[in-house]
Amino acid sequence: VQLVESGGGSVQAGGSLRLSCAASGDTYIK
């Protein structure tokens, strides 16, 4: 299984972020 994260960054306290993780490969084993 290959995993790729995205969505990180810099934010001020109290703020929000949304991270994503896209899976590929033999995804049926997770």
PDB file of all heavy atoms in Angstrom:
ATOM      1  N   VAL A   1       0.851  -1.181   0.000  1.00  0.00           N
ATOM      2  CA  VAL A   1       0.000   0.000   0.000  1.00  0.00           C
ATOM      3  C   VAL A   1       0.889   1.234   0.000  1.00  0.00           C
ATOM      4  O   VAL A   1       1.829   1.338   0.791  1.00  0.00           O
ATOM      5  CB  VAL A   1      -0.932   0.034   1.221  1.00  0.00           C
ATOM      6  CG1 VAL A   1      -1.752   1.322   1.224  1.00  0.00           C
ATOM      7  CG2 VAL A   1      -1.850  -1.178   1.219  1.00  0.00           C
ATOM      8  N   GLN A   2       0.588   2.154  -0.886  1.00  0.00           N
ATOM      9  CA  GLN A   2       1.306   3.416  -0.924  1.00  0.00           C
ATOM     10  C   GLN A   2       0.393   4.509  -0.392  1.00  0.00           C
ATOM     11  O   GLN A   2      -0.786   4.568  -0.740  1.00  0.00           O
ATOM     12  CB  GLN A   2       1.752   3.752  -2.346  1.00  0.00           C
ATOM     13  CG  GLN A   2       2.817   2.824  -2.907  1.00  0.00           C
ATOM     14  CD  GLN A   2       2.237   1.503  -3.369  1.00  0.00           C
ATOM     15  OE1 GLN A   2       1.231   1.464  -4.074  1.00  0.00           O
ATOM     16  NE2 GLN A   2       2.881   0.407  -2.982  1.00  0.00           N
ATOM     17  N   LEU A   3       0.944   5.369   0.444  1.00  0.00           N
ATOM     18  CA  LEU A   3       0.179   6.433   1.072  1.00  0.00           C
ATOM     19  C   LEU A   3       0.836   7.776   0.807  1.00  0.00           C
ATOM     20  O   LEU A   3       2.047   7.915   0.954  1.00  0.00           O
ATOM     21  CB  LEU A   3       0.086   6.208   2.581  1.00  0.00           C
ATOM     22  CG  LEU A   3      -0.467   4.855   3.039  1.00  0.00           C
ATOM     23  CD1 LEU A   3      -0.303   4.708   4.540  1.00  0.00           C
ATOM     24  CD2 LEU A   3      -1.937   4.726   2.658  1.00  0.00           C
ATOM     25  N   VAL A   4       0.030   8.744   0.432  1.00  0.00           N
ATOM     26  CA  VAL A   4       0.528  10.088   0.171  1.00  0.00           C
ATOM     27  C   VAL A   4      -0.317  11.099   0.922  1.00  0.00           C
ATOM     28  O   VAL A   4      -1.523  11.203   0.685  1.00  0.00           O
ATOM     29  CB  VAL A   4       0.524  10.416  -1.333  1.00  0.00           C
ATOM     30  CG1 VAL A   4       1.030  11.836  -1.568  1.00  0.00           C
ATOM     31  CG2 VAL A   4       1.382   9.419  -2.097  1.00  0.00           C
ATOM     32  N   GLU A   5       0.318  11.846   1.814  1.00  0.00           N
ATOM     33  CA  GLU A   5      -0.373  12.865   2.586  1.00  0.00           C
ATOM     34  C   GLU A   5      -0.292  14.213   1.890  1.00  0.00           C
ATOM     35  O   GLU A   5       0.647  14.494   1.153  1.00  0.00           O
ATOM     36  CB  GLU A   5       0.229  13.004   3.990  1.00  0.00           C
ATOM     37  CG  GLU A   5       0.281  11.719   4.791  1.00  0.00           C
ATOM     38  CD  GLU A   5       1.628  11.044   4.725  1.00  0.00           C
ATOM     39  OE1 GLU A   5       2.329  11.192   3.694  1.00  0.00           O
ATOM     40  OE2 GLU A   5       2.003  10.368   5.703  1.00  0.00           O
ATOM     41  N   SER A   6      -1.267  15.047   2.175  1.00  0.00           N
ATOM     42  CA  SER A   6      -1.266  16.410   1.673  1.00  0.00           C
ATOM     43  C   SER A   6      -2.126  17.263   2.597  1.00  0.00           C
ATOM     44  O   SER A   6      -2.875  16.749   3.417  1.00  0.00           O
ATOM     45  CB  SER A   6      -1.798  16.475   0.238  1.00  0.00           C
ATOM     46  OG  SER A   6      -3.141  16.036   0.165  1.00  0.00           O
ATOM     47  N   GLY A   7      -2.009  18.570   2.455  1.00  0.00           N
ATOM     48  CA  GLY A   7      -2.840  19.483   3.213  1.00  0.00           C
ATOM     49  C   GLY A   7      -2.161  20.179   4.373  1.00  0.00           C
ATOM     50  O   GLY A   7      -2.768  21.029   5.030  1.00  0.00           O
ATOM     51  N   GLY A   8      -0.915  19.829   4.642  1.00  0.00           N
ATOM     52  CA  GLY A   8      -0.203  20.479   5.724  1.00  0.00           C
ATOM     53  C   GLY A   8       0.139  21.913   5.379  1.00  0.00           C
ATOM     54  O   GLY A   8       0.005  22.350   4.238  1.00  0.00           O
ATOM     55  N   GLY A   9       0.580  22.644   6.385  1.00  0.00           N
ATOM     56  CA  GLY A   9       0.936  24.034   6.178  1.00  0.00           C
ATOM     57  C   GLY A   9       1.074  24.761   7.492  1.00  0.00           C
ATOM     58  O   GLY A   9       1.133  24.146   8.552  1.00  0.00           O
ATOM     59  N   SER A  10       1.131  26.071   7.412  1.00  0.00           N
ATOM     60  CA  SER A  10       1.250  26.918   8.597  1.00  0.00           C
ATOM     61  C   SER A  10      -0.064  27.627   8.870  1.00  0.00           C
ATOM     62  O   SER A  10      -0.720  28.117   7.949  1.00  0.00           O
ATOM     63  CB  SER A  10       2.361  27.947   8.406  1.00  0.00           C
ATOM     64  OG  SER A  10       3.618  27.324   8.240  1.00  0.00           O
ATOM     65  N   VAL A  11      -0.426  27.673  10.136  1.00  0.00           N
ATOM     66  CA  VAL A  11      -1.678  28.301  10.529  1.00  0.00           C
ATOM     67  C   VAL A  11      -1.518  28.910  11.916  1.00  0.00           C
ATOM     68  O   VAL A  11      -0.688  28.461  12.706  1.00  0.00           O
ATOM     69  CB  VAL A  11      -2.830  27.262  10.513  1.00  0.00           C
ATOM     70  CG1 VAL A  11      -2.596  26.193  11.570  1.00  0.00           C
ATOM     71  CG2 VAL A  11      -4.174  27.934  10.695  1.00  0.00           C
ATOM     72  N   GLN A  12      -2.291  29.922  12.206  1.00  0.00           N
ATOM     73  CA  GLN A  12      -2.263  30.541  13.522  1.00  0.00           C
ATOM     74  C   GLN A  12      -3.073  29.721  14.514  1.00  0.00           C
ATOM     75  O   GLN A  12      -3.980  28.982  14.128  1.00  0.00           O
ATOM     76  CB  GLN A  12      -2.828  31.963  13.467  1.00  0.00           C
ATOM     77  CG  GLN A  12      -2.002  32.944  12.670  1.00  0.00           C
ATOM     78  CD  GLN A  12      -2.553  34.348  12.746  1.00  0.00           C
ATOM     79  OE1 GLN A  12      -2.083  35.167  13.536  1.00  0.00           O
ATOM     80  NE2 GLN A  12      -3.560  34.623  11.933  1.00  0.00           N
ATOM     81  N   ALA A  13      -2.731  29.853  15.779  1.00  0.00           N
ATOM     82  CA  ALA A  13      -3.471  29.160  16.824  1.00  0.00           C
ATOM     83  C   ALA A  13      -4.958  29.472  16.713  1.00  0.00           C
ATOM     84  O   ALA A  13      -5.349  30.621  16.501  1.00  0.00           O
ATOM     85  CB  ALA A  13      -2.951  29.564  18.195  1.00  0.00           C
ATOM     86  N   GLY A  14      -5.768  28.442  16.847  1.00  0.00           N
ATOM     87  CA  GLY A  14      -7.201  28.601  16.718  1.00  0.00           C
ATOM     88  C   GLY A  14      -7.711  28.326  15.319  1.00  0.00           C
ATOM     89  O   GLY A  14      -8.922  28.202  15.106  1.00  0.00           O
ATOM     90  N   GLY A  15      -6.803  28.208  14.383  1.00  0.00           N
ATOM     91  CA  GLY A  15      -7.174  27.965  13.002  1.00  0.00           C
ATOM     92  C   GLY A  15      -7.431  26.504  12.710  1.00  0.00           C
ATOM     93  O   GLY A  15      -7.391  25.655  13.598  1.00  0.00           O
ATOM     94  N   SER A  16      -7.670  26.215  11.435  1.00  0.00           N
ATOM     95  CA  SER A  16      -8.003  24.861  11.014  1.00  0.00           C
ATOM     96  C   SER A  16      -7.208  24.432   9.796  1.00  0.00           C
ATOM     97  O   SER A  16      -6.778  25.263   8.986  1.00  0.00           O
ATOM     98  CB  SER A  16      -9.493  24.756  10.674  1.00  0.00           C
ATOM     99  OG  SER A  16     -10.310  25.064  11.781  1.00  0.00           O
ATOM    100  N   LEU A  17      -7.021  23.132   9.679  1.00  0.00           N
ATOM    101  CA  LEU A  17      -6.397  22.523   8.517  1.00  0.00           C
ATOM    102  C   LEU A  17      -7.071  21.191   8.266  1.00  0.00           C
ATOM    103  O   LEU A  17      -7.566  20.559   9.201  1.00  0.00           O
ATOM    104  CB  LEU A  17      -4.901  22.291   8.732  1.00  0.00           C
ATOM    105  CG  LEU A  17      -3.951  23.479   8.627  1.00  0.00           C
ATOM    106  CD1 LEU A  17      -2.544  23.041   9.031  1.00  0.00           C
ATOM    107  CD2 LEU A  17      -3.937  24.047   7.219  1.00  0.00           C
ATOM    108  N   ARG A  18      -7.070  20.773   7.017  1.00  0.00           N
ATOM    109  CA  ARG A  18      -7.605  19.470   6.660  1.00  0.00           C
ATOM    110  C   ARG A  18      -6.539  18.682   5.926  1.00  0.00           C
ATOM    111  O   ARG A  18      -6.105  19.073   4.843  1.00  0.00           O
ATOM    112  CB  ARG A  18      -8.843  19.607   5.779  1.00  0.00           C
ATOM    113  CG  ARG A  18      -9.589  18.290   5.573  1.00  0.00           C
ATOM    114  CD  ARG A  18     -10.591  18.408   4.446  1.00  0.00           C
ATOM    115  NE  ARG A  18     -11.542  17.304   4.434  1.00  0.00           N
ATOM    116  CZ  ARG A  18     -12.258  16.951   3.365  1.00  0.00           C
ATOM    117  NH1 ARG A  18     -12.140  17.623   2.229  1.00  0.00           N
ATOM    118  NH2 ARG A  18     -13.108  15.932   3.453  1.00  0.00           N
ATOM    119  N   LEU A  19      -6.124  17.577   6.510  1.00  0.00           N
ATOM    120  CA  LEU A  19      -5.134  16.716   5.907  1.00  0.00           C
ATOM    121  C   LEU A  19      -5.817  15.604   5.118  1.00  0.00           C
ATOM    122  O   LEU A  19      -6.879  15.123   5.507  1.00  0.00           O
ATOM    123  CB  LEU A  19      -4.228  16.089   6.966  1.00  0.00           C
ATOM    124  CG  LEU A  19      -3.534  17.044   7.944  1.00  0.00           C
ATOM    125  CD1 LEU A  19      -2.611  16.250   8.864  1.00  0.00           C
ATOM    126  CD2 LEU A  19      -2.765  18.126   7.200  1.00  0.00           C
ATOM    127  N   SER A  20      -5.186  15.208   4.032  1.00  0.00           N
ATOM    128  CA  SER A  20      -5.707  14.127   3.212  1.00  0.00           C
ATOM    129  C   SER A  20      -4.652  13.045   3.066  1.00  0.00           C
ATOM    130  O   SER A  20      -3.462  13.329   3.027  1.00  0.00           O
ATOM    131  CB  SER A  20      -6.100  14.633   1.826  1.00  0.00           C
ATOM    132  OG  SER A  20      -7.127  15.594   1.896  1.00  0.00           O
ATOM    133  N   CYS A  21      -5.100  11.810   2.974  1.00  0.00           N
ATOM    134  CA  CYS A  21      -4.214  10.673   2.764  1.00  0.00           C
ATOM    135  C   CYS A  21      -4.808   9.812   1.667  1.00  0.00           C
ATOM    136  O   CYS A  21      -5.859   9.196   1.854  1.00  0.00           O
ATOM    137  CB  CYS A  21      -4.059   9.865   4.050  1.00  0.00           C
ATOM    138  SG  CYS A  21      -3.122   8.330   3.853  1.00  0.00           S
ATOM    139  N   ALA A  22      -4.132   9.785   0.536  1.00  0.00           N
ATOM    140  CA  ALA A  22      -4.586   8.994  -0.595  1.00  0.00           C
ATOM    141  C   ALA A  22      -3.843   7.668  -0.636  1.00  0.00           C
ATOM    142  O   ALA A  22      -2.610   7.648  -0.645  1.00  0.00           O
ATOM    143  CB  ALA A  22      -4.366   9.761  -1.899  1.00  0.00           C
ATOM    144  N   ALA A  23      -4.580   6.578  -0.654  1.00  0.00           N
ATOM    145  CA  ALA A  23      -3.991   5.243  -0.680  1.00  0.00           C
ATOM    146  C   ALA A  23      -4.088   4.632  -2.069  1.00  0.00           C
ATOM    147  O   ALA A  23      -5.083   4.816  -2.770  1.00  0.00           O
ATOM    148  CB  ALA A  23      -4.686   4.340   0.331  1.00  0.00           C
ATOM    149  N   SER A  24      -3.054   3.916  -2.445  1.00  0.00           N
ATOM    150  CA  SER A  24      -3.044   3.230  -3.728  1.00  0.00           C
ATOM    151  C   SER A  24      -2.329   1.892  -3.573  1.00  0.00           C
ATOM    152  O   SER A  24      -1.769   1.596  -2.522  1.00  0.00           O
ATOM    153  CB  SER A  24      -2.365   4.077  -4.802  1.00  0.00           C
ATOM    154  OG  SER A  24      -1.014   4.353  -4.460  1.00  0.00           O
ATOM    155  N   GLY A  25      -2.357   1.081  -4.611  1.00  0.00           N
ATOM    156  CA  GLY A  25      -1.751  -0.230  -4.548  1.00  0.00           C
ATOM    157  C   GLY A  25      -2.770  -1.270  -4.121  1.00  0.00           C
ATOM    158  O   GLY A  25      -3.913  -1.243  -4.557  1.00  0.00           O
ATOM    159  N   ASP A  26      -2.352  -2.177  -3.239  1.00  0.00           N
ATOM    160  CA  ASP A  26      -3.233  -3.229  -2.747  1.00  0.00           C
ATOM    161  C   ASP A  26      -4.085  -2.707  -1.598  1.00  0.00           C
ATOM    162  O   ASP A  26      -3.956  -3.134  -0.450  1.00  0.00           O
ATOM    163  CB  ASP A  26      -2.420  -4.443  -2.309  1.00  0.00           C
ATOM    164  CG  ASP A  26      -1.615  -5.039  -3.442  1.00  0.00           C
ATOM    165  OD1 ASP A  26      -2.079  -4.991  -4.594  1.00  0.00           O
ATOM    166  OD2 ASP A  26      -0.512  -5.567  -3.179  1.00  0.00           O
ATOM    167  N   THR A  27      -4.968  -1.799  -1.925  1.00  0.00           N
ATOM    168  CA  THR A  27      -5.757  -1.114  -0.902  1.00  0.00           C
ATOM    169  C   THR A  27      -6.732  -2.029  -0.171  1.00  0.00           C
ATOM    170  O   THR A  27      -7.210  -1.672   0.904  1.00  0.00           O
ATOM    171  CB  THR A  27      -6.521   0.067  -1.513  1.00  0.00           C
ATOM    172  OG1 THR A  27      -7.371  -0.402  -2.567  1.00  0.00           O
ATOM    173  CG2 THR A  27      -5.554   1.096  -2.076  1.00  0.00           C
ATOM    174  N   TYR A  28      -7.011  -3.178  -0.719  1.00  0.00           N
ATOM    175  CA  TYR A  28      -7.957  -4.095  -0.101  1.00  0.00           C
ATOM    176  C   TYR A  28      -7.426  -4.736   1.172  1.00  0.00           C
ATOM    177  O   TYR A  28      -8.183  -5.342   1.925  1.00  0.00           O
ATOM    178  CB  TYR A  28      -8.373  -5.188  -1.092  1.00  0.00           C
ATOM    179  CG  TYR A  28      -7.218  -5.925  -1.710  1.00  0.00           C
ATOM    180  CD1 TYR A  28      -6.651  -7.022  -1.080  1.00  0.00           C
ATOM    181  CD2 TYR A  28      -6.689  -5.514  -2.930  1.00  0.00           C
ATOM    182  CE1 TYR A  28      -5.579  -7.694  -1.640  1.00  0.00           C
ATOM    183  CE2 TYR A  28      -5.619  -6.179  -3.504  1.00  0.00           C
ATOM    184  CZ  TYR A  28      -5.066  -7.272  -2.851  1.00  0.00           C
ATOM    185  OH  TYR A  28      -4.009  -7.936  -3.413  1.00  0.00           O
ATOM    186  N   ILE A  29      -6.142  -4.620   1.439  1.00  0.00           N
ATOM    187  CA  ILE A  29      -5.557  -5.239   2.628  1.00  0.00           C
ATOM    188  C   ILE A  29      -5.490  -4.291   3.825  1.00  0.00           C
ATOM    189  O   ILE A  29      -5.002  -4.671   4.882  1.00  0.00           O
ATOM    190  CB  ILE A  29      -4.140  -5.792   2.359  1.00  0.00           C
ATOM    191  CG1 ILE A  29      -3.171  -4.671   1.993  1.00  0.00           C
ATOM    192  CG2 ILE A  29      -4.194  -6.842   1.263  1.00  0.00           C
ATOM    193  CD1 ILE A  29      -1.726  -5.128   1.892  1.00  0.00           C
ATOM    194  N   LYS A  30      -5.968  -3.078   3.685  1.00  0.00           N
ATOM    195  CA  LYS A  30      -5.957  -2.155   4.796  1.00  0.00           C
ATOM    196  C   LYS A  30      -7.297  -2.179   5.517  1.00  0.00           C
ATOM    197  O   LYS A  30      -8.344  -1.961   4.916  1.00  0.00           O
ATOM    198  CB  LYS A  30      -5.602  -0.733   4.344  1.00  0.00           C
ATOM    199  CG  LYS A  30      -6.510  -0.134   3.287  1.00  0.00           C
ATOM    200  CD  LYS A  30      -6.095   1.287   2.964  1.00  0.00           C
ATOM    201  CE  LYS A  30      -7.020   1.921   1.940  1.00  0.00           C
ATOM    202  NZ  LYS A  30      -8.401   2.052   2.454  1.00  0.00           N
TER     203      LYS A  30
END
